[in-house]
Structure formats: C-alpha cells, structure tokens
Amino acid sequence: MHVDSSKKAPKDTTKNRPRRAYLPAAERRKSIIAAAQEVFSRSNLKGARTRDIAAAAAVNQATIFEHFESKEALFQEAVVQPLIDAMRGMHARRETYEAATSPDELAALAQVSATRHVEDMIRIFPLFTAALFSDPDLGQQLYREHIAPLIHKRGEILEGLVRDGLDLDFVGLTIFGMTFAIAMDRHFGEDGTVAQADLSEVARQFTRMSTGGFARDRADPDKPD
C-alpha cells in the first residue's frame, strides 16, 4: 500500500503553547479581582466585558465563573466591597479627638488619620466613580445602604467636638466631600495645585480646614496662619 509522504501529520502545537501559571484558588481569585478593578475603572458595569477581564487576568472566561457566579457578583467584590472597606477604615478613634483642647491641637492629632483618609480616597476614586455612575440603580443603592450611613457615623464621631449650631450629618458630608474633591484633583487636575502637593501637606491643609474652617480668628489677629 502506497503512502503519500507529501501528506504530513499535523504538528502538535500544544507543546509550544505557554502554560498558564498555576495559582492556588485564593490567589487566582485575587488576580481576577485585581484585573476586574482595572477594567471596571476605565469602563462601567454594563460596558465591561468578561472576556476583557479574563484577558487582563490571563485566564479564560470559564475560570472567572468558577469563582464568581456573574459579572455583577464580580463587580460587587472588586468595586463595591473595597469602597465600603476603605470608608470604614476612615473612622479615627473618638478618644484621640477628645484629647484635643483647641482646633489646632485637634488638627495635629488628626494628621495621621487624615493622611490615611486622603490616601484611601485617592486610591479608590476610579472604583468609586465606577460604582456610583456605571448603573443609576446600583449607584443609588450603594449610596443609600452603605455610603450615607458611613458618612453619618463619621459625623457622630465628632459629637461634642463641633461648634454649636453645626449639624453632625452636614459635618460628615462636608469632610467626605473634601476628600472626594482632593482625589478628583489628584486624578484630573493640573500640576501646581495644593491637591497635587505632597500628601502630608495635603493632609495638613485638610485637617486645618475641617477642624477650624477657613475664617481668620479675629479675636487674635496676631495668631500665625
């Protein structure tokens, strides 16, 4: 029987195909979350595709669904939960604030926690905006069920420390708003603004503004700024 030698068997290309690095399930899950954060931060919940997340994580789409039941579940884990965790971490201990005898002393005591607050908001800002604005219903739910209560708690921490006539919820909202504005300027602003400066200086300005306001103390005109 004559065999046509010109017909060669197909080459086995599996030997040359790079193998995916093995990771334990927990590490693989973390890598998928990190990739999802990258994709969601430049897109939105509806616009992000699982194939893009899979490519960023160097896995196939089936692997994603081995760890997360849906794209929405992955969004919750990658975007919403880190946001909630970061905001919970922003609560400084009340005892620290109660030790202050003046706004300037309060600002000094709050310097470390303020630096952490600002750093957290800068870090989560892309995820924060994705979580709030990628889907109106999801954004409203996230704000009402998680963010607003945390802002309220921040105001409660300052009870007994704020000036008479100031609403605690408004104080918490204002402090949160300042950190959000700083993060927005760090991401989109031009060089030269205070928000672009060293974070320790940004935190110093933030604490002075949040504890003493911006008005000069007219009762002591010689007091240095």
C-alpha atoms as a PDB file:
ATOM      1  CA  MET A   1       0.000   0.000   0.000  1.00  0.00           C
ATOM      2  CA  HIS A   2       1.460   3.311  -1.086  1.00  0.00           C
ATOM      3  CA  VAL A   3       1.542   6.131   1.443  1.00  0.00           C
ATOM      4  CA  ASP A   4       1.793   9.656   0.128  1.00  0.00           C
ATOM      5  CA  SER A   5       4.752  11.043   2.036  1.00  0.00           C
ATOM      6  CA  SER A   6       3.823  14.577   0.961  1.00  0.00           C
ATOM      7  CA  LYS A   7       0.890  14.480   3.383  1.00  0.00           C
ATOM      8  CA  LYS A   8       2.391  15.162   6.754  1.00  0.00           C
ATOM      9  CA  ALA A   9       0.620  14.673  10.015  1.00  0.00           C
ATOM     10  CA  PRO A  10      -0.477  17.943  11.631  1.00  0.00           C
ATOM     11  CA  LYS A  11       2.010  19.332  14.111  1.00  0.00           C
ATOM     12  CA  ASP A  12       1.211  19.124  17.765  1.00  0.00           C
ATOM     13  CA  THR A  13       1.207  22.792  18.755  1.00  0.00           C
ATOM     14  CA  THR A  14       0.234  22.148  22.358  1.00  0.00           C
ATOM     15  CA  LYS A  15       3.887  21.651  23.249  1.00  0.00           C
ATOM     16  CA  ASN A  16       4.705  25.194  22.174  1.00  0.00           C
ATOM     17  CA  ARG A  17       1.677  26.794  23.812  1.00  0.00           C
ATOM     18  CA  PRO A  18       2.654  28.657  27.007  1.00  0.00           C
ATOM     19  CA  ARG A  19       1.111  27.118  30.050  1.00  0.00           C
ATOM     20  CA  ARG A  20      -0.917  29.279  32.373  1.00  0.00           C
ATOM     21  CA  ALA A  21       0.855  29.745  35.669  1.00  0.00           C
ATOM     22  CA  TYR A  22      -0.720  27.668  38.395  1.00  0.00           C
ATOM     23  CA  LEU A  23      -2.097  29.635  41.309  1.00  0.00           C
ATOM     24  CA  PRO A  24      -3.964  28.426  44.373  1.00  0.00           C
ATOM     25  CA  ALA A  25      -7.670  29.228  44.229  1.00  0.00           C
ATOM     26  CA  ALA A  26      -7.379  32.134  46.670  1.00  0.00           C
ATOM     27  CA  GLU A  27      -4.528  33.710  44.700  1.00  0.00           C
ATOM     28  CA  ARG A  28      -6.340  33.192  41.397  1.00  0.00           C
ATOM     29  CA  ARG A  29      -9.412  34.891  42.866  1.00  0.00           C
ATOM     30  CA  LYS A  30      -7.282  37.858  43.957  1.00  0.00           C
ATOM     31  CA  SER A  31      -5.743  38.168  40.492  1.00  0.00           C
ATOM     32  CA  ILE A  32      -9.197  38.148  38.882  1.00  0.00           C
ATOM     33  CA  ILE A  33     -10.392  40.845  41.292  1.00  0.00           C
ATOM     34  CA  ALA A  34      -7.333  42.997  40.530  1.00  0.00           C
ATOM     35  CA  ALA A  35      -7.904  42.613  36.788  1.00  0.00           C
ATOM     36  CA  ALA A  36     -11.597  43.408  37.203  1.00  0.00           C
ATOM     37  CA  GLN A  37     -10.758  46.575  39.130  1.00  0.00           C
ATOM     38  CA  GLU A  38      -8.553  47.700  36.252  1.00  0.00           C
ATOM     39  CA  VAL A  39     -11.239  47.003  33.647  1.00  0.00           C
ATOM     40  CA  PHE A  40     -14.150  48.422  35.652  1.00  0.00           C
ATOM     41  CA  SER A  41     -12.220  51.603  36.496  1.00  0.00           C
ATOM     42  CA  ARG A  42     -11.886  52.502  32.821  1.00  0.00           C
ATOM     43  CA  SER A  43     -15.317  51.253  31.827  1.00  0.00           C
ATOM     44  CA  ASN A  44     -18.584  50.642  33.621  1.00  0.00           C
ATOM     45  CA  LEU A  45     -20.580  47.663  34.764  1.00  0.00           C
ATOM     46  CA  LYS A  46     -22.544  47.334  31.542  1.00  0.00           C
ATOM     47  CA  GLY A  47     -19.664  48.222  29.229  1.00  0.00           C
ATOM     48  CA  ALA A  48     -17.053  45.940  30.763  1.00  0.00           C
ATOM     49  CA  ARG A  49     -16.845  42.527  29.104  1.00  0.00           C
ATOM     50  CA  THR A  50     -15.902  39.353  30.908  1.00  0.00           C
ATOM     51  CA  ARG A  51     -13.580  38.487  28.021  1.00  0.00           C
ATOM     52  CA  ASP A  52     -11.607  41.691  28.728  1.00  0.00           C
ATOM     53  CA  ILE A  53     -11.419  40.858  32.416  1.00  0.00           C
ATOM     54  CA  ALA A  54     -10.318  37.323  31.559  1.00  0.00           C
ATOM     55  CA  ALA A  55      -7.604  38.646  29.249  1.00  0.00           C
ATOM     56  CA  ALA A  56      -6.351  41.064  31.907  1.00  0.00           C
ATOM     57  CA  ALA A  57      -6.252  38.235  34.454  1.00  0.00           C
ATOM     58  CA  ALA A  58      -4.652  35.806  31.953  1.00  0.00           C
ATOM     59  CA  VAL A  59      -7.439  33.268  32.410  1.00  0.00           C
ATOM     60  CA  ASN A  60     -10.355  32.063  30.327  1.00  0.00           C
ATOM     61  CA  GLN A  61     -13.898  33.221  30.956  1.00  0.00           C
ATOM     62  CA  ALA A  62     -14.887  29.867  32.412  1.00  0.00           C
ATOM     63  CA  THR A  63     -12.337  30.360  35.176  1.00  0.00           C
ATOM     64  CA  ILE A  64     -13.961  33.656  36.133  1.00  0.00           C
ATOM     65  CA  PHE A  65     -17.313  31.969  36.579  1.00  0.00           C
ATOM     66  CA  GLU A  66     -15.719  29.266  38.698  1.00  0.00           C
ATOM     67  CA  HIS A  67     -15.040  31.995  41.257  1.00  0.00           C
ATOM     68  CA  PHE A  68     -17.938  34.416  40.667  1.00  0.00           C
ATOM     69  CA  GLU A  69     -21.469  33.483  39.688  1.00  0.00           C
ATOM     70  CA  SER A  70     -21.933  36.553  37.471  1.00  0.00           C
ATOM     71  CA  LYS A  71     -20.296  39.739  36.253  1.00  0.00           C
ATOM     72  CA  GLU A  72     -22.437  41.626  38.756  1.00  0.00           C
ATOM     73  CA  ALA A  73     -21.102  39.484  41.611  1.00  0.00           C
ATOM     74  CA  LEU A  74     -17.557  40.207  40.460  1.00  0.00           C
ATOM     75  CA  PHE A  75     -18.354  43.933  40.321  1.00  0.00           C
ATOM     76  CA  GLN A  76     -19.654  43.765  43.894  1.00  0.00           C
ATOM     77  CA  GLU A  77     -16.481  42.074  45.095  1.00  0.00           C
ATOM     78  CA  ALA A  78     -13.993  44.102  43.045  1.00  0.00           C
ATOM     79  CA  VAL A  79     -15.532  47.564  43.238  1.00  0.00           C
ATOM     80  CA  VAL A  80     -18.231  47.923  45.867  1.00  0.00           C
ATOM     81  CA  GLN A  81     -16.665  45.993  48.747  1.00  0.00           C
ATOM     82  CA  PRO A  82     -13.239  47.740  48.630  1.00  0.00           C
ATOM     83  CA  LEU A  83     -15.069  51.060  48.653  1.00  0.00           C
ATOM     84  CA  ILE A  84     -17.037  50.120  51.760  1.00  0.00           C
ATOM     85  CA  ASP A  85     -13.938  48.725  53.473  1.00  0.00           C
ATOM     86  CA  ALA A  86     -11.930  51.883  52.780  1.00  0.00           C
ATOM     87  CA  MET A  87     -14.648  54.154  54.122  1.00  0.00           C
ATOM     88  CA  ARG A  88     -14.979  52.066  57.271  1.00  0.00           C
ATOM     89  CA  GLY A  89     -11.248  52.436  57.757  1.00  0.00           C
ATOM     90  CA  MET A  90     -11.604  56.200  57.759  1.00  0.00           C
ATOM     91  CA  HIS A  91     -13.079  56.347  61.257  1.00  0.00           C
ATOM     92  CA  ALA A  92     -10.470  57.593  63.711  1.00  0.00           C
ATOM     93  CA  ARG A  93     -10.872  56.735  67.351  1.00  0.00           C
ATOM     94  CA  ARG A  94     -13.013  59.240  69.201  1.00  0.00           C
ATOM     95  CA  GLU A  95     -10.679  59.193  72.201  1.00  0.00           C
ATOM     96  CA  THR A  96      -7.953  60.735  70.051  1.00  0.00           C
ATOM     97  CA  TYR A  97     -10.129  63.703  69.171  1.00  0.00           C
ATOM     98  CA  GLU A  98     -11.380  64.192  72.734  1.00  0.00           C
ATOM     99  CA  ALA A  99      -7.814  64.775  73.929  1.00  0.00           C
ATOM    100  CA  ALA A 100      -7.619  67.995  71.900  1.00  0.00           C
ATOM    101  CA  THR A 101      -8.125  71.312  73.691  1.00  0.00           C
ATOM    102  CA  SER A 102      -8.221  73.546  70.592  1.00  0.00           C
ATOM    103  CA  PRO A 103      -8.911  73.298  66.837  1.00  0.00           C
ATOM    104  CA  ASP A 104      -5.168  73.477  66.113  1.00  0.00           C
ATOM    105  CA  GLU A 105      -4.454  70.645  68.538  1.00  0.00           C
ATOM    106  CA  LEU A 106      -7.315  68.634  67.078  1.00  0.00           C
ATOM    107  CA  ALA A 107      -5.857  69.141  63.595  1.00  0.00           C
ATOM    108  CA  ALA A 108      -2.451  67.944  64.783  1.00  0.00           C
ATOM    109  CA  LEU A 109      -3.916  64.840  66.417  1.00  0.00           C
ATOM    110  CA  ALA A 110      -5.949  64.047  63.310  1.00  0.00           C
ATOM    111  CA  GLN A 111      -2.990  64.408  60.924  1.00  0.00           C
ATOM    112  CA  VAL A 112      -2.182  60.697  60.680  1.00  0.00           C
ATOM    113  CA  SER A 113      -5.766  59.571  60.190  1.00  0.00           C
ATOM    114  CA  ALA A 114      -6.384  62.423  57.735  1.00  0.00           C
ATOM    115  CA  THR A 115      -3.425  61.300  55.631  1.00  0.00           C
ATOM    116  CA  ARG A 116      -4.873  57.795  55.542  1.00  0.00           C
ATOM    117  CA  HIS A 117      -8.324  59.125  54.644  1.00  0.00           C
ATOM    118  CA  VAL A 118      -6.946  61.110  51.715  1.00  0.00           C
ATOM    119  CA  GLU A 119      -4.772  58.219  50.516  1.00  0.00           C
ATOM    120  CA  ASP A 120      -7.739  55.847  50.648  1.00  0.00           C
ATOM    121  CA  MET A 121      -9.975  58.148  48.640  1.00  0.00           C
ATOM    122  CA  ILE A 122      -7.286  58.766  46.008  1.00  0.00           C
ATOM    123  CA  ARG A 123      -6.759  55.016  45.676  1.00  0.00           C
ATOM    124  CA  ILE A 124     -10.429  54.083  45.360  1.00  0.00           C
ATOM    125  CA  PHE A 125     -11.535  57.133  43.342  1.00  0.00           C
ATOM    126  CA  PRO A 126     -11.745  55.337  39.948  1.00  0.00           C
ATOM    127  CA  LEU A 127     -13.643  52.460  41.539  1.00  0.00           C
ATOM    128  CA  PHE A 128     -15.814  54.885  43.486  1.00  0.00           C
ATOM    129  CA  THR A 129     -16.989  56.707  40.377  1.00  0.00           C
ATOM    130  CA  ALA A 130     -17.487  53.414  38.532  1.00  0.00           C
ATOM    131  CA  ALA A 131     -19.593  52.079  41.387  1.00  0.00           C
ATOM    132  CA  LEU A 132     -21.763  55.178  41.642  1.00  0.00           C
ATOM    133  CA  PHE A 133     -22.287  56.039  37.996  1.00  0.00           C
ATOM    134  CA  SER A 134     -22.000  52.821  35.980  1.00  0.00           C
ATOM    135  CA  ASP A 135     -25.593  51.956  36.800  1.00  0.00           C
ATOM    136  CA  PRO A 136     -28.053  54.507  38.299  1.00  0.00           C
ATOM    137  CA  ASP A 137     -29.979  51.963  40.360  1.00  0.00           C
ATOM    138  CA  LEU A 138     -26.817  50.345  41.686  1.00  0.00           C
ATOM    139  CA  GLY A 139     -25.322  53.745  42.478  1.00  0.00           C
ATOM    140  CA  GLN A 140     -28.387  54.818  44.427  1.00  0.00           C
ATOM    141  CA  GLN A 141     -28.469  51.543  46.337  1.00  0.00           C
ATOM    142  CA  LEU A 142     -24.759  51.760  47.139  1.00  0.00           C
ATOM    143  CA  TYR A 143     -25.068  55.324  48.372  1.00  0.00           C
ATOM    144  CA  ARG A 144     -28.190  54.854  50.468  1.00  0.00           C
ATOM    145  CA  GLU A 145     -27.317  51.494  52.003  1.00  0.00           C
ATOM    146  CA  HIS A 146     -23.585  51.904  52.558  1.00  0.00           C
ATOM    147  CA  ILE A 147     -22.017  55.294  51.894  1.00  0.00           C
ATOM    148  CA  ALA A 148     -24.602  57.576  53.510  1.00  0.00           C
ATOM    149  CA  PRO A 149     -24.648  55.554  56.783  1.00  0.00           C
ATOM    150  CA  LEU A 150     -20.840  55.692  56.934  1.00  0.00           C
ATOM    151  CA  ILE A 151     -20.885  59.457  56.388  1.00  0.00           C
ATOM    152  CA  HIS A 152     -23.481  59.725  59.156  1.00  0.00           C
ATOM    153  CA  LYS A 153     -21.270  57.701  61.513  1.00  0.00           C
ATOM    154  CA  ARG A 154     -18.336  59.966  60.748  1.00  0.00           C
ATOM    155  CA  GLY A 155     -20.409  62.926  61.883  1.00  0.00           C
ATOM    156  CA  GLU A 156     -21.457  61.067  65.032  1.00  0.00           C
ATOM    157  CA  ILE A 157     -17.812  60.526  65.974  1.00  0.00           C
ATOM    158  CA  LEU A 158     -17.409  64.301  66.197  1.00  0.00           C
ATOM    159  CA  GLU A 159     -20.376  64.821  68.513  1.00  0.00           C
ATOM    160  CA  GLY A 160     -19.363  67.171  71.311  1.00  0.00           C
ATOM    161  CA  LEU A 161     -16.378  68.445  69.328  1.00  0.00           C
ATOM    162  CA  VAL A 162     -18.075  70.616  66.710  1.00  0.00           C
ATOM    163  CA  ARG A 163     -19.303  74.168  67.147  1.00  0.00           C
ATOM    164  CA  ASP A 164     -22.822  74.799  68.341  1.00  0.00           C
ATOM    165  CA  GLY A 165     -25.318  75.052  65.518  1.00  0.00           C
ATOM    166  CA  LEU A 166     -23.497  72.718  63.121  1.00  0.00           C
ATOM    167  CA  ASP A 167     -25.398  69.633  62.018  1.00  0.00           C
ATOM    168  CA  LEU A 168     -23.344  66.473  62.519  1.00  0.00           C
ATOM    169  CA  ASP A 169     -24.563  64.887  59.283  1.00  0.00           C
ATOM    170  CA  PHE A 170     -23.559  68.012  57.392  1.00  0.00           C
ATOM    171  CA  VAL A 171     -20.116  67.983  59.010  1.00  0.00           C
ATOM    172  CA  GLY A 172     -19.616  64.355  57.975  1.00  0.00           C
ATOM    173  CA  LEU A 173     -20.833  65.117  54.464  1.00  0.00           C
ATOM    174  CA  THR A 174     -18.507  68.113  54.167  1.00  0.00           C
ATOM    175  CA  ILE A 175     -15.450  66.174  55.322  1.00  0.00           C
ATOM    176  CA  PHE A 176     -16.250  63.406  52.862  1.00  0.00           C
ATOM    177  CA  GLY A 177     -16.763  65.969  50.105  1.00  0.00           C
ATOM    178  CA  MET A 178     -13.335  67.482  50.694  1.00  0.00           C
ATOM    179  CA  THR A 179     -11.594  64.124  50.398  1.00  0.00           C
ATOM    180  CA  PHE A 180     -13.547  63.410  47.215  1.00  0.00           C
ATOM    181  CA  ALA A 181     -12.552  66.787  45.727  1.00  0.00           C
ATOM    182  CA  ILE A 182      -8.892  66.212  46.617  1.00  0.00           C
ATOM    183  CA  ALA A 183      -8.950  62.793  44.950  1.00  0.00           C
ATOM    184  CA  MET A 184     -10.636  64.230  41.860  1.00  0.00           C
ATOM    185  CA  ASP A 185      -7.977  66.931  41.548  1.00  0.00           C
ATOM    186  CA  ARG A 186      -5.179  64.396  42.058  1.00  0.00           C
ATOM    187  CA  HIS A 187      -6.553  62.383  39.142  1.00  0.00           C
ATOM    188  CA  PHE A 188      -7.540  65.170  36.752  1.00  0.00           C
ATOM    189  CA  GLY A 189      -6.019  68.452  37.934  1.00  0.00           C
ATOM    190  CA  GLU A 190      -3.009  70.334  36.647  1.00  0.00           C
ATOM    191  CA  ASP A 191       0.334  70.451  38.419  1.00  0.00           C
ATOM    192  CA  GLY A 192       0.813  73.242  40.910  1.00  0.00           C
ATOM    193  CA  THR A 193      -2.401  72.972  42.911  1.00  0.00           C
ATOM    194  CA  VAL A 194      -2.297  72.179  46.612  1.00  0.00           C
ATOM    195  CA  ALA A 195      -4.054  68.879  45.937  1.00  0.00           C
ATOM    196  CA  GLN A 196      -1.080  67.871  43.762  1.00  0.00           C
ATOM    197  CA  ALA A 197       1.403  68.578  46.555  1.00  0.00           C
ATOM    198  CA  ASP A 198       2.988  66.103  48.941  1.00  0.00           C
ATOM    199  CA  LEU A 199       0.252  64.163  50.712  1.00  0.00           C
ATOM    200  CA  SER A 200       1.449  65.212  54.157  1.00  0.00           C
ATOM    201  CA  GLU A 201       0.883  68.852  53.181  1.00  0.00           C
ATOM    202  CA  VAL A 202      -2.466  67.997  51.615  1.00  0.00           C
ATOM    203  CA  ALA A 203      -3.493  66.268  54.844  1.00  0.00           C
ATOM    204  CA  ARG A 204      -2.317  69.239  56.902  1.00  0.00           C
ATOM    205  CA  GLN A 205      -4.441  71.630  54.855  1.00  0.00           C
ATOM    206  CA  PHE A 206      -7.351  69.204  55.033  1.00  0.00           C
ATOM    207  CA  THR A 207      -7.250  68.875  58.822  1.00  0.00           C
ATOM    208  CA  ARG A 208      -6.945  72.627  59.363  1.00  0.00           C
ATOM    209  CA  MET A 209      -9.894  73.252  57.087  1.00  0.00           C
ATOM    210  CA  SER A 210     -12.062  70.509  58.570  1.00  0.00           C
ATOM    211  CA  THR A 211     -11.331  71.366  62.214  1.00  0.00           C
ATOM    212  CA  GLY A 212     -11.071  75.151  62.183  1.00  0.00           C
ATOM    213  CA  GLY A 213     -12.689  76.347  58.976  1.00  0.00           C
ATOM    214  CA  PHE A 214     -11.151  78.959  56.714  1.00  0.00           C
ATOM    215  CA  ALA A 215     -12.024  82.197  58.561  1.00  0.00           C
ATOM    216  CA  ARG A 216      -9.266  84.018  60.437  1.00  0.00           C
ATOM    217  CA  ASP A 217      -9.650  84.264  64.200  1.00  0.00           C
ATOM    218  CA  ARG A 218     -10.446  87.973  64.532  1.00  0.00           C
ATOM    219  CA  ALA A 219     -10.124  87.785  68.310  1.00  0.00           C
ATOM    220  CA  ASP A 220      -6.414  87.068  67.894  1.00  0.00           C
ATOM    221  CA  PRO A 221      -5.165  88.905  64.781  1.00  0.00           C
ATOM    222  CA  ASP A 222      -1.514  88.190  65.614  1.00  0.00           C
ATOM    223  CA  LYS A 223      -2.018  84.439  65.636  1.00  0.00           C
ATOM    224  CA  PRO A 224       0.055  82.881  62.787  1.00  0.00           C
ATOM    225  CA  ASP A 225      -1.694  81.021  59.975  1.00  0.00           C
END
